Amino acid sequence: MFLLLTFECFTLFLDTVQTLVKYLIHLGDLYRQGVWESKGLFLYYTEFVTDSLILVATLGHYLHIMILHGVSFTLIDAVLFLNMRSVFNNLRRKISAYYNYRQAITNMQTQYPDATESELEEYNDDCAICRDSMSCAKKLPCGHMFHLYSSSDPLDDDSSPSQPIVSTSIKENLRSG
């Protein structure tokens, strides 16, 4: 019974940890000398791990309720099953998006060449996606350059209305190649 009551505290704890870790990453970026190329990667993994843990805990919570209550085929059981299905599908989508993200990063690492120091200086050190200065970058066939890990947000969500044109062309290239 004690486990049933700790679920909400556990999910709030995970949300708080996610917020604090993201805040610490941003603080680290502010106090860091130069550009932190993999900041987006740390933010992505922080969100992925905490959100996945919350979904797994929610699924466990629903299973615990079902075990305590039993299955009696009432309206409450139907709602519980629908909620469990929804959480399971969200977890499956999150894991699928993670695999797609890893595949896209791997494809970008092999498909696009690294930019040279002279190209970075000529391009004025700005990423075409996140608009931050760059110390290392990948170069697209059109000549634009981008941080490898700054592209994680546009690649993660197809419905983003503020998606840059460059990231759209990256996705099209990766899907066709």
N, C-alpha and C. Protein backbone atom coordinates (compact mmCIF):
# COMPACT_ATOMS: atom_id res chain seq x y z
N MET A 1 0.82 -1.20 0.00
CA MET A 1 0.00 0.00 0.00
C MET A 1 0.87 1.26 0.00
N PHE A 2 2.00 1.20 0.71
CA PHE A 2 2.90 2.35 0.76
C PHE A 2 3.40 2.73 -0.63
N LEU A 3 3.68 1.73 -1.47
CA LEU A 3 4.16 1.95 -2.83
C LEU A 3 3.13 2.72 -3.66
N LEU A 4 1.87 2.44 -3.43
CA LEU A 4 0.80 3.12 -4.16
C LEU A 4 0.81 4.62 -3.88
N LEU A 5 1.14 4.99 -2.65
CA LEU A 5 1.11 6.40 -2.26
C LEU A 5 2.38 7.16 -2.65
N THR A 6 3.46 6.46 -2.94
CA THR A 6 4.72 7.14 -3.27
C THR A 6 4.86 7.45 -4.76
N PHE A 7 3.96 6.98 -5.58
CA PHE A 7 4.09 7.17 -7.02
C PHE A 7 4.15 8.64 -7.41
N GLU A 8 3.22 9.44 -6.90
CA GLU A 8 3.17 10.86 -7.27
C GLU A 8 4.44 11.57 -6.82
N CYS A 9 4.94 11.24 -5.64
CA CYS A 9 6.19 11.85 -5.16
C CYS A 9 7.36 11.47 -6.06
N PHE A 10 7.40 10.22 -6.52
CA PHE A 10 8.48 9.76 -7.38
C PHE A 10 8.46 10.48 -8.72
N THR A 11 7.30 10.65 -9.33
CA THR A 11 7.24 11.34 -10.63
C THR A 11 7.58 12.83 -10.47
N LEU A 12 7.13 13.44 -9.37
CA LEU A 12 7.50 14.84 -9.12
C LEU A 12 9.00 14.97 -8.89
N PHE A 13 9.59 13.99 -8.20
CA PHE A 13 11.03 13.97 -7.98
C PHE A 13 11.77 13.89 -9.32
N LEU A 14 11.32 13.02 -10.21
CA LEU A 14 11.97 12.90 -11.52
C LEU A 14 11.83 14.18 -12.35
N ASP A 15 10.66 14.80 -12.30
CA ASP A 15 10.47 16.08 -13.01
C ASP A 15 11.41 17.15 -12.45
N THR A 16 11.54 17.17 -11.12
CA THR A 16 12.42 18.15 -10.48
C THR A 16 13.88 17.88 -10.84
N VAL A 17 14.28 16.62 -10.85
CA VAL A 17 15.65 16.27 -11.24
C VAL A 17 15.91 16.71 -12.68
N GLN A 18 14.95 16.47 -13.56
CA GLN A 18 15.11 16.88 -14.96
C GLN A 18 15.31 18.39 -15.05
N THR A 19 14.50 19.14 -14.36
CA THR A 19 14.60 20.60 -14.40
C THR A 19 15.94 21.07 -13.84
N LEU A 20 16.36 20.49 -12.72
CA LEU A 20 17.63 20.89 -12.11
C LEU A 20 18.82 20.54 -13.00
N VAL A 21 18.81 19.36 -13.60
CA VAL A 21 19.92 18.97 -14.48
C VAL A 21 19.98 19.88 -15.70
N LYS A 22 18.83 20.19 -16.28
CA LYS A 22 18.81 21.11 -17.43
C LYS A 22 19.33 22.49 -17.01
N TYR A 23 18.93 22.95 -15.84
CA TYR A 23 19.40 24.23 -15.33
C TYR A 23 20.91 24.21 -15.14
N LEU A 24 21.43 23.13 -14.57
CA LEU A 24 22.88 23.01 -14.36
C LEU A 24 23.63 22.97 -15.69
N ILE A 25 23.05 22.32 -16.69
CA ILE A 25 23.68 22.28 -18.01
C ILE A 25 23.74 23.69 -18.60
N HIS A 26 22.65 24.44 -18.47
CA HIS A 26 22.64 25.81 -18.98
C HIS A 26 23.62 26.69 -18.20
N LEU A 27 23.69 26.51 -16.88
CA LEU A 27 24.67 27.26 -16.09
C LEU A 27 26.09 26.92 -16.50
N GLY A 28 26.35 25.63 -16.70
CA GLY A 28 27.67 25.21 -17.16
C GLY A 28 28.02 25.83 -18.49
N ASP A 29 27.04 25.97 -19.36
CA ASP A 29 27.28 26.58 -20.67
C ASP A 29 27.59 28.07 -20.52
N LEU A 30 26.93 28.74 -19.58
CA LEU A 30 27.18 30.16 -19.37
C LEU A 30 28.60 30.42 -18.85
N TYR A 31 29.06 29.57 -17.94
CA TYR A 31 30.36 29.78 -17.32
C TYR A 31 31.51 29.12 -18.08
N ARG A 32 31.21 28.44 -19.13
CA ARG A 32 32.22 27.73 -19.91
C ARG A 32 32.91 28.70 -20.87
N GLN A 33 34.20 28.55 -21.00
CA GLN A 33 34.94 29.34 -21.97
C GLN A 33 34.77 28.69 -23.34
N GLY A 34 34.37 29.44 -24.31
CA GLY A 34 34.19 28.91 -25.65
C GLY A 34 32.82 28.29 -25.84
N VAL A 35 32.71 27.47 -26.87
CA VAL A 35 31.43 26.86 -27.24
C VAL A 35 31.38 25.43 -26.74
N TRP A 36 30.25 25.05 -26.18
CA TRP A 36 30.03 23.67 -25.72
C TRP A 36 29.25 22.96 -26.80
N GLU A 37 29.94 22.26 -27.66
CA GLU A 37 29.34 21.64 -28.84
C GLU A 37 28.31 20.57 -28.50
N SER A 38 28.49 19.86 -27.41
CA SER A 38 27.60 18.73 -27.09
C SER A 38 26.55 19.08 -26.04
N LYS A 39 26.28 20.35 -25.83
CA LYS A 39 25.24 20.75 -24.87
C LYS A 39 23.87 20.18 -25.26
N GLY A 40 23.54 20.23 -26.53
CA GLY A 40 22.26 19.70 -27.00
C GLY A 40 22.13 18.21 -26.75
N LEU A 41 23.25 17.51 -26.85
CA LEU A 41 23.25 16.07 -26.59
C LEU A 41 22.94 15.77 -25.13
N PHE A 42 23.55 16.53 -24.22
CA PHE A 42 23.27 16.36 -22.80
C PHE A 42 21.81 16.68 -22.47
N LEU A 43 21.29 17.74 -23.07
CA LEU A 43 19.89 18.10 -22.83
C LEU A 43 18.96 17.01 -23.37
N TYR A 44 19.27 16.49 -24.54
CA TYR A 44 18.43 15.44 -25.13
C TYR A 44 18.40 14.20 -24.24
N TYR A 45 19.57 13.75 -23.81
CA TYR A 45 19.63 12.54 -22.98
C TYR A 45 19.00 12.75 -21.61
N THR A 46 19.13 13.94 -21.05
CA THR A 46 18.48 14.23 -19.77
C THR A 46 16.97 14.09 -19.90
N GLU A 47 16.43 14.69 -20.95
CA GLU A 47 14.98 14.61 -21.16
C GLU A 47 14.53 13.19 -21.50
N PHE A 48 15.30 12.51 -22.35
CA PHE A 48 14.94 11.15 -22.74
C PHE A 48 14.92 10.21 -21.53
N VAL A 49 15.95 10.25 -20.72
CA VAL A 49 16.04 9.32 -19.58
C VAL A 49 14.95 9.62 -18.55
N THR A 50 14.78 10.88 -18.18
CA THR A 50 13.79 11.18 -17.14
C THR A 50 12.36 10.93 -17.64
N ASP A 51 12.07 11.31 -18.88
CA ASP A 51 10.72 11.05 -19.41
C ASP A 51 10.44 9.55 -19.52
N SER A 52 11.44 8.79 -19.95
CA SER A 52 11.26 7.33 -20.04
C SER A 52 11.05 6.72 -18.66
N LEU A 53 11.81 7.17 -17.67
CA LEU A 53 11.62 6.65 -16.31
C LEU A 53 10.24 6.99 -15.76
N ILE A 54 9.75 8.18 -16.07
CA ILE A 54 8.41 8.56 -15.63
C ILE A 54 7.36 7.66 -16.29
N LEU A 55 7.51 7.39 -17.57
CA LEU A 55 6.56 6.52 -18.26
C LEU A 55 6.61 5.09 -17.73
N VAL A 56 7.81 4.58 -17.45
CA VAL A 56 7.93 3.23 -16.89
C VAL A 56 7.31 3.20 -15.49
N ALA A 57 7.56 4.24 -14.69
CA ALA A 57 6.97 4.29 -13.35
C ALA A 57 5.44 4.38 -13.42
N THR A 58 4.92 5.14 -14.37
CA THR A 58 3.48 5.25 -14.54
C THR A 58 2.88 3.90 -14.94
N LEU A 59 3.53 3.22 -15.85
CA LEU A 59 3.06 1.89 -16.25
C LEU A 59 3.09 0.93 -15.05
N GLY A 60 4.16 0.98 -14.27
CA GLY A 60 4.25 0.16 -13.06
C GLY A 60 3.17 0.50 -12.06
N HIS A 61 2.87 1.79 -11.94
CA HIS A 61 1.82 2.23 -11.03
C HIS A 61 0.46 1.67 -11.44
N TYR A 62 0.16 1.74 -12.74
CA TYR A 62 -1.11 1.19 -13.21
C TYR A 62 -1.18 -0.32 -13.01
N LEU A 63 -0.07 -1.01 -13.24
CA LEU A 63 -0.04 -2.45 -12.99
C LEU A 63 -0.25 -2.76 -11.51
N HIS A 64 0.34 -1.94 -10.66
CA HIS A 64 0.18 -2.12 -9.21
C HIS A 64 -1.28 -1.93 -8.81
N ILE A 65 -1.92 -0.91 -9.36
CA ILE A 65 -3.34 -0.68 -9.08
C ILE A 65 -4.18 -1.87 -9.55
N MET A 66 -3.85 -2.38 -10.75
CA MET A 66 -4.60 -3.51 -11.28
C MET A 66 -4.42 -4.76 -10.40
N ILE A 67 -3.21 -4.96 -9.88
CA ILE A 67 -2.96 -6.11 -9.00
C ILE A 67 -3.72 -5.95 -7.68
N LEU A 68 -3.70 -4.74 -7.12
CA LEU A 68 -4.40 -4.51 -5.85
C LEU A 68 -5.92 -4.60 -6.01
N HIS A 69 -6.43 -4.07 -7.11
CA HIS A 69 -7.86 -4.01 -7.33
C HIS A 69 -8.39 -5.32 -7.92
N GLY A 70 -7.58 -5.96 -8.75
CA GLY A 70 -8.05 -7.15 -9.45
C GLY A 70 -8.77 -6.75 -10.73
N VAL A 71 -9.01 -7.70 -11.59
CA VAL A 71 -9.70 -7.43 -12.84
C VAL A 71 -11.13 -7.93 -12.71
N SER A 72 -12.06 -6.97 -12.83
CA SER A 72 -13.47 -7.34 -12.70
C SER A 72 -14.31 -6.88 -13.89
N PHE A 73 -13.66 -6.39 -14.94
CA PHE A 73 -14.32 -5.96 -16.17
C PHE A 73 -15.40 -4.91 -15.93
N THR A 74 -15.04 -3.89 -15.16
CA THR A 74 -15.94 -2.76 -14.93
C THR A 74 -15.44 -1.57 -15.74
N LEU A 75 -16.14 -0.47 -15.64
CA LEU A 75 -15.75 0.74 -16.34
C LEU A 75 -14.39 1.23 -15.85
N ILE A 76 -14.13 1.10 -14.58
CA ILE A 76 -12.84 1.52 -14.02
C ILE A 76 -11.70 0.71 -14.63
N ASP A 77 -11.91 -0.59 -14.81
CA ASP A 77 -10.90 -1.44 -15.43
C ASP A 77 -10.67 -1.03 -16.89
N ALA A 78 -11.73 -0.68 -17.59
CA ALA A 78 -11.60 -0.25 -18.98
C ALA A 78 -10.77 1.04 -19.06
N VAL A 79 -11.04 1.98 -18.17
CA VAL A 79 -10.28 3.23 -18.14
C VAL A 79 -8.82 2.95 -17.80
N LEU A 80 -8.58 2.05 -16.84
CA LEU A 80 -7.23 1.68 -16.46
C LEU A 80 -6.48 1.04 -17.64
N PHE A 81 -7.13 0.14 -18.36
CA PHE A 81 -6.51 -0.48 -19.53
C PHE A 81 -6.20 0.55 -20.62
N LEU A 82 -7.12 1.48 -20.85
CA LEU A 82 -6.89 2.52 -21.85
C LEU A 82 -5.72 3.41 -21.45
N ASN A 83 -5.63 3.76 -20.18
CA ASN A 83 -4.51 4.56 -19.70
C ASN A 83 -3.19 3.80 -19.83
N MET A 84 -3.22 2.50 -19.50
CA MET A 84 -2.01 1.69 -19.64
C MET A 84 -1.58 1.61 -21.10
N ARG A 85 -2.54 1.46 -21.99
CA ARG A 85 -2.23 1.40 -23.41
C ARG A 85 -1.63 2.71 -23.90
N SER A 86 -2.19 3.82 -23.44
CA SER A 86 -1.69 5.13 -23.82
C SER A 86 -0.24 5.34 -23.33
N VAL A 87 0.02 4.98 -22.08
CA VAL A 87 1.37 5.13 -21.53
C VAL A 87 2.35 4.22 -22.27
N PHE A 88 1.93 2.99 -22.55
CA PHE A 88 2.79 2.06 -23.27
C PHE A 88 3.12 2.58 -24.67
N ASN A 89 2.11 3.12 -25.37
CA ASN A 89 2.34 3.68 -26.71
C ASN A 89 3.26 4.89 -26.66
N ASN A 90 3.11 5.74 -25.63
CA ASN A 90 4.01 6.89 -25.47
C ASN A 90 5.45 6.43 -25.24
N LEU A 91 5.62 5.40 -24.42
CA LEU A 91 6.95 4.86 -24.16
C LEU A 91 7.54 4.25 -25.43
N ARG A 92 6.73 3.54 -26.17
CA ARG A 92 7.18 2.94 -27.42
C ARG A 92 7.59 4.01 -28.43
N ARG A 93 6.80 5.09 -28.52
CA ARG A 93 7.14 6.20 -29.42
C ARG A 93 8.43 6.89 -29.00
N LYS A 94 8.62 7.07 -27.71
CA LYS A 94 9.83 7.71 -27.21
C LYS A 94 11.07 6.87 -27.53
N ILE A 95 10.97 5.57 -27.34
CA ILE A 95 12.10 4.69 -27.64
C ILE A 95 12.35 4.63 -29.15
N SER A 96 11.28 4.61 -29.94
CA SER A 96 11.42 4.62 -31.39
C SER A 96 12.07 5.93 -31.86
N ALA A 97 11.66 7.05 -31.28
CA ALA A 97 12.26 8.34 -31.63
C ALA A 97 13.74 8.36 -31.26
N TYR A 98 14.09 7.72 -30.15
CA TYR A 98 15.49 7.64 -29.75
C TYR A 98 16.30 6.86 -30.79
N TYR A 99 15.79 5.72 -31.23
CA TYR A 99 16.50 4.93 -32.25
C TYR A 99 16.61 5.71 -33.56
N ASN A 100 15.57 6.43 -33.93
CA ASN A 100 15.63 7.26 -35.13
C ASN A 100 16.67 8.37 -34.98
N TYR A 101 16.73 8.96 -33.80
CA TYR A 101 17.71 10.01 -33.51
C TYR A 101 19.13 9.47 -33.64
N ARG A 102 19.38 8.31 -33.05
CA ARG A 102 20.72 7.71 -33.12
C ARG A 102 21.08 7.37 -34.58
N GLN A 103 20.12 6.87 -35.34
CA GLN A 103 20.37 6.55 -36.74
C GLN A 103 20.66 7.82 -37.54
N ALA A 104 19.91 8.89 -37.29
CA ALA A 104 20.14 10.14 -38.00
C ALA A 104 21.51 10.73 -37.67
N ILE A 105 21.92 10.67 -36.42
CA ILE A 105 23.24 11.18 -36.03
C ILE A 105 24.33 10.34 -36.70
N THR A 106 24.16 9.03 -36.70
CA THR A 106 25.14 8.16 -37.34
C THR A 106 25.23 8.46 -38.84
N ASN A 107 24.08 8.64 -39.49
CA ASN A 107 24.07 8.97 -40.92
C ASN A 107 24.74 10.31 -41.18
N MET A 108 24.48 11.30 -40.34
CA MET A 108 25.09 12.62 -40.53
C MET A 108 26.60 12.56 -40.31
N GLN A 109 27.04 11.74 -39.35
CA GLN A 109 28.48 11.63 -39.11
C GLN A 109 29.20 11.03 -40.31
N THR A 110 28.56 10.09 -40.99
CA THR A 110 29.21 9.44 -42.13
C THR A 110 28.94 10.14 -43.45
N GLN A 111 27.78 10.76 -43.60
CA GLN A 111 27.38 11.32 -44.89
C GLN A 111 27.96 12.72 -45.15
N TYR A 112 28.13 13.53 -44.11
CA TYR A 112 28.58 14.90 -44.29
C TYR A 112 30.00 15.07 -43.77
N PRO A 113 30.85 15.75 -44.54
CA PRO A 113 32.25 15.93 -44.11
C PRO A 113 32.35 16.99 -43.01
N ASP A 114 33.44 16.91 -42.24
CA ASP A 114 33.72 17.92 -41.23
C ASP A 114 34.20 19.19 -41.92
N ALA A 115 33.81 20.33 -41.36
CA ALA A 115 34.26 21.61 -41.89
C ALA A 115 35.67 21.90 -41.38
N THR A 116 36.47 22.51 -42.20
CA THR A 116 37.84 22.87 -41.79
C THR A 116 37.80 24.18 -41.01
N GLU A 117 38.91 24.48 -40.33
CA GLU A 117 39.01 25.73 -39.57
C GLU A 117 38.84 26.95 -40.47
N SER A 118 39.43 26.91 -41.66
CA SER A 118 39.30 28.06 -42.57
C SER A 118 37.86 28.23 -43.04
N GLU A 119 37.14 27.13 -43.27
CA GLU A 119 35.73 27.23 -43.66
C GLU A 119 34.90 27.80 -42.53
N LEU A 120 35.21 27.42 -41.29
CA LEU A 120 34.48 27.96 -40.15
C LEU A 120 34.72 29.46 -40.01
N GLU A 121 35.95 29.90 -40.19
CA GLU A 121 36.25 31.33 -40.11
C GLU A 121 35.57 32.10 -41.24
N GLU A 122 35.59 31.53 -42.44
CA GLU A 122 34.96 32.16 -43.60
C GLU A 122 33.45 32.25 -43.42
N TYR A 123 32.86 31.24 -42.82
CA TYR A 123 31.41 31.19 -42.61
C TYR A 123 30.98 32.03 -41.42
N ASN A 124 31.91 32.62 -40.71
CA ASN A 124 31.66 33.49 -39.57
C ASN A 124 31.26 32.70 -38.32
N ASP A 125 31.62 31.42 -38.28
CA ASP A 125 31.47 30.63 -37.05
C ASP A 125 30.03 30.47 -36.56
N ASP A 126 29.01 30.65 -37.39
CA ASP A 126 27.63 30.53 -36.93
C ASP A 126 26.98 29.26 -37.48
N CYS A 127 26.28 28.53 -36.60
CA CYS A 127 25.55 27.33 -36.99
C CYS A 127 24.27 27.73 -37.72
N ALA A 128 23.96 27.04 -38.80
CA ALA A 128 22.78 27.36 -39.59
C ALA A 128 21.48 26.97 -38.88
N ILE A 129 21.57 26.12 -37.86
CA ILE A 129 20.36 25.66 -37.16
C ILE A 129 20.15 26.41 -35.85
N CYS A 130 21.15 26.38 -34.96
CA CYS A 130 20.96 26.97 -33.63
C CYS A 130 21.52 28.39 -33.53
N ARG A 131 22.25 28.85 -34.54
CA ARG A 131 22.82 30.19 -34.62
C ARG A 131 23.89 30.47 -33.57
N ASP A 132 24.44 29.44 -32.94
CA ASP A 132 25.56 29.58 -32.01
C ASP A 132 26.87 29.55 -32.79
N SER A 133 27.92 30.09 -32.17
CA SER A 133 29.22 30.01 -32.82
C SER A 133 29.72 28.57 -32.78
N MET A 134 30.61 28.23 -33.70
CA MET A 134 31.05 26.84 -33.83
C MET A 134 32.57 26.74 -33.76
N SER A 135 33.04 25.66 -33.14
CA SER A 135 34.47 25.34 -33.19
C SER A 135 34.70 24.10 -34.04
N CYS A 136 33.63 23.30 -34.25
CA CYS A 136 33.67 22.18 -35.18
C CYS A 136 32.26 22.04 -35.76
N ALA A 137 32.18 21.56 -37.00
CA ALA A 137 30.88 21.51 -37.67
C ALA A 137 30.88 20.48 -38.78
N LYS A 138 29.68 20.17 -39.25
CA LYS A 138 29.48 19.35 -40.44
C LYS A 138 29.07 20.28 -41.57
N LYS A 139 29.47 19.95 -42.77
CA LYS A 139 29.19 20.80 -43.93
C LYS A 139 28.22 20.10 -44.86
N LEU A 140 27.14 20.78 -45.20
CA LEU A 140 26.14 20.27 -46.14
C LEU A 140 26.60 20.52 -47.57
N PRO A 141 26.04 19.79 -48.54
CA PRO A 141 26.41 20.01 -49.95
C PRO A 141 26.10 21.44 -50.42
N CYS A 142 25.11 22.08 -49.81
CA CYS A 142 24.75 23.44 -50.20
C CYS A 142 25.72 24.48 -49.63
N GLY A 143 26.60 24.06 -48.72
CA GLY A 143 27.57 24.98 -48.15
C GLY A 143 27.26 25.40 -46.73
N HIS A 144 26.04 25.18 -46.26
CA HIS A 144 25.71 25.51 -44.88
C HIS A 144 26.47 24.58 -43.93
N MET A 145 26.71 25.09 -42.73
CA MET A 145 27.38 24.29 -41.70
C MET A 145 26.53 24.27 -40.45
N PHE A 146 26.64 23.18 -39.70
CA PHE A 146 25.83 23.05 -38.49
C PHE A 146 26.56 22.19 -37.47
N HIS A 147 26.20 22.42 -36.18
CA HIS A 147 26.68 21.53 -35.12
C HIS A 147 26.00 20.18 -35.32
N LEU A 148 26.69 19.13 -35.11
CA LEU A 148 26.10 17.81 -35.27
C LEU A 148 24.96 17.61 -34.29
N TYR A 149 25.12 18.05 -33.05
CA TYR A 149 24.12 17.78 -32.03
C TYR A 149 23.10 18.90 -31.86
N SER A 150 23.26 20.02 -32.56
CA SER A 150 22.23 21.06 -32.48
C SER A 150 21.02 20.69 -33.32
N SER A 151 21.17 19.68 -34.16
CA SER A 151 20.07 19.28 -35.02
C SER A 151 19.12 18.30 -34.32
N SER A 152 19.35 18.00 -33.03
CA SER A 152 18.52 16.99 -32.36
C SER A 152 17.08 17.45 -32.19
N ASP A 153 16.84 18.73 -31.87
CA ASP A 153 15.47 19.17 -31.68
C ASP A 153 14.65 19.14 -32.97
N PRO A 154 15.14 19.70 -34.09
CA PRO A 154 14.36 19.63 -35.31
C PRO A 154 14.14 18.21 -35.82
N LEU A 155 15.10 17.32 -35.61
CA LEU A 155 14.93 15.95 -36.09
C LEU A 155 14.01 15.16 -35.19
N ASP A 156 13.85 15.59 -33.95
CA ASP A 156 13.07 14.83 -32.98
C ASP A 156 11.57 14.97 -33.21
N ASP A 157 11.12 16.12 -33.71
CA ASP A 157 9.69 16.37 -33.80
C ASP A 157 9.34 16.87 -35.19
N ASP A 158 8.57 16.10 -35.94
CA ASP A 158 8.19 16.48 -37.30
C ASP A 158 7.18 17.62 -37.34
N SER A 159 6.50 17.89 -36.24
CA SER A 159 5.43 18.89 -36.25
C SER A 159 5.90 20.26 -35.80
N SER A 160 7.20 20.48 -35.69
CA SER A 160 7.72 21.75 -35.20
C SER A 160 7.48 22.86 -36.23
N PRO A 161 6.66 23.89 -35.88
CA PRO A 161 6.38 24.95 -36.85
C PRO A 161 7.58 25.87 -37.06
N SER A 162 8.50 25.94 -36.10
CA SER A 162 9.64 26.85 -36.22
C SER A 162 10.87 26.13 -36.76
N GLN A 163 10.66 25.05 -37.46
CA GLN A 163 11.76 24.23 -37.96
C GLN A 163 12.51 24.96 -39.07
N PRO A 164 13.82 25.06 -38.96
CA PRO A 164 14.59 25.74 -40.02
C PRO A 164 14.54 24.96 -41.33
N ILE A 165 14.70 25.68 -42.42
CA ILE A 165 14.70 25.06 -43.74
C ILE A 165 15.88 24.11 -43.87
N VAL A 166 17.01 24.47 -43.27
CA VAL A 166 18.20 23.63 -43.36
C VAL A 166 17.95 22.26 -42.76
N SER A 167 17.29 22.22 -41.58
CA SER A 167 17.04 20.92 -40.95
C SER A 167 16.05 20.10 -41.76
N THR A 168 15.13 20.76 -42.46
CA THR A 168 14.20 20.04 -43.31
C THR A 168 14.96 19.37 -44.45
N SER A 169 15.93 20.08 -45.04
CA SER A 169 16.71 19.47 -46.12
C SER A 169 17.59 18.34 -45.59
N ILE A 170 18.06 18.44 -44.35
CA ILE A 170 18.85 17.36 -43.75
C ILE A 170 17.98 16.12 -43.62
N LYS A 171 16.76 16.30 -43.11
CA LYS A 171 15.86 15.15 -42.95
C LYS A 171 15.52 14.51 -44.28
N GLU A 172 15.26 15.32 -45.31
CA GLU A 172 14.95 14.78 -46.62
C GLU A 172 16.13 13.99 -47.18
N ASN A 173 17.33 14.52 -47.00
CA ASN A 173 18.54 13.83 -47.45
C ASN A 173 18.71 12.51 -46.74
N LEU A 174 18.48 12.49 -45.42
CA LEU A 174 18.66 11.26 -44.64
C LEU A 174 17.62 10.22 -44.99
N ARG A 175 16.40 10.65 -45.26
CA ARG A 175 15.34 9.70 -45.59
C ARG A 175 15.53 9.10 -46.97
N SER A 176 16.05 9.90 -47.90
CA SER A 176 16.24 9.40 -49.26
C SER A 176 17.53 8.58 -49.37
N GLY A 177 18.50 8.84 -48.48
CA GLY A 177 19.80 8.16 -48.57
C GLY A 177 19.89 6.96 -47.75
